[in-house]
Amino acid sequence: MSKDTAQPRADAASPRDPNVAPSPVDGAAIVAQICPGGRLVSATPLVGGVSAAVQGVDFVRPNGATERIVVRTHRDVAGKPDRRGRAAREYALLVVLHARGVAVPRPRLFVPPETLVVDRVEGDTTLPNDPTEALAEALAAIHHTATAGLPALPVFTDPMPALREWLPELRDHPRMRAGCGIHTEAPRLLHGDFWPGNVLWQGAELAAVLDWEDAALGDPLSDLACARVELARMTDDATAERFTRAYGRRCAIDADRLCWWDVFVSTAALQYMDGWGLAPDILASRRATASAWQARALSALGLG
């Protein structure tokens, strides 16, 4: 879960994380491609998640104007597709979304095979006093985005195959065998990792939604579940439920299917969080929240 901002996250992995590291990016070479004649001022590693190495680059144009960009170089990590495909797909998607007025950083350059460059959006991930309406509005807008004209994206409609693998002790339970009620409407655009760490704020105003490498087409309740569990972890359950109700005023929610996605999101976190490079105390906190959320959702489904 990388973050394109100068404000480092306490729960983020260090740029020196031992996960597969991409080759260092030459900031001066990036500037030369974006702005011939531009002068590099600084290239500073930013603290981000394990899926990408992130640099903040400042440069001066020949006319003296200063610009700030962010360079994201994808890594290979467990549970994600090959970094080269992710990077190319993310850049192509950002081109379309920015042109349509979606709150994303402006894409500037793709450097094959694994690096994309976007404008630096000023702001940070500090949540306002009540972020629920703005988050729900942003997520609903993503899910209402027309899918025609988007680059080819993975399809993500059914949590069951992964859940049967991750929870073998429940594989033969009648509810698991019956499935979860697949999303039968036209697939919606999914962010794929919609959580507060990927949202930039300028005070109480939502400035941008970052990190689209996990974007897909599918069931919008998967995004809602991801946001719910992370919002509960960062604030409290009441805030997560207010956010869910705010989203429900904008988009339909199937409560039973949402429970299945709650199980999926919390179980996926438990499967992979040991590789996120988190500090031990933060890892313990996240594991406790994910475990509690998983247990609650399983109980609601009659699986607990």
Foldseek 3Di string as FASTA:
>chain_A
DFEQAQDADQFAAALVAPAAHDDDDDLVVVCCVQANVKAWDDWAWHTTWPQWTKIWTWIAHPVGDIFIKMKTFGGDDPPAPDQQVLQVQVLQQLCVCVVVPQQAFAWGDDDPRHMTMGGRFDFALDAAPALQLVLLVNLLVQQPDDPPPRPAFAEDWFLLVVCCVLCVVCCPPPVSVVGQDTDPDWWGKEQQQDESRQWGDDHNHTRHGDDSSRIHTYDSLLNLLNHLLRVCLVPRNVSSVSSVVSNCVSDPDDVRNNLVSNLSNLSVCVVGVVSGNGDVVVSVSSNVSSVVSNVVSCVVNVND
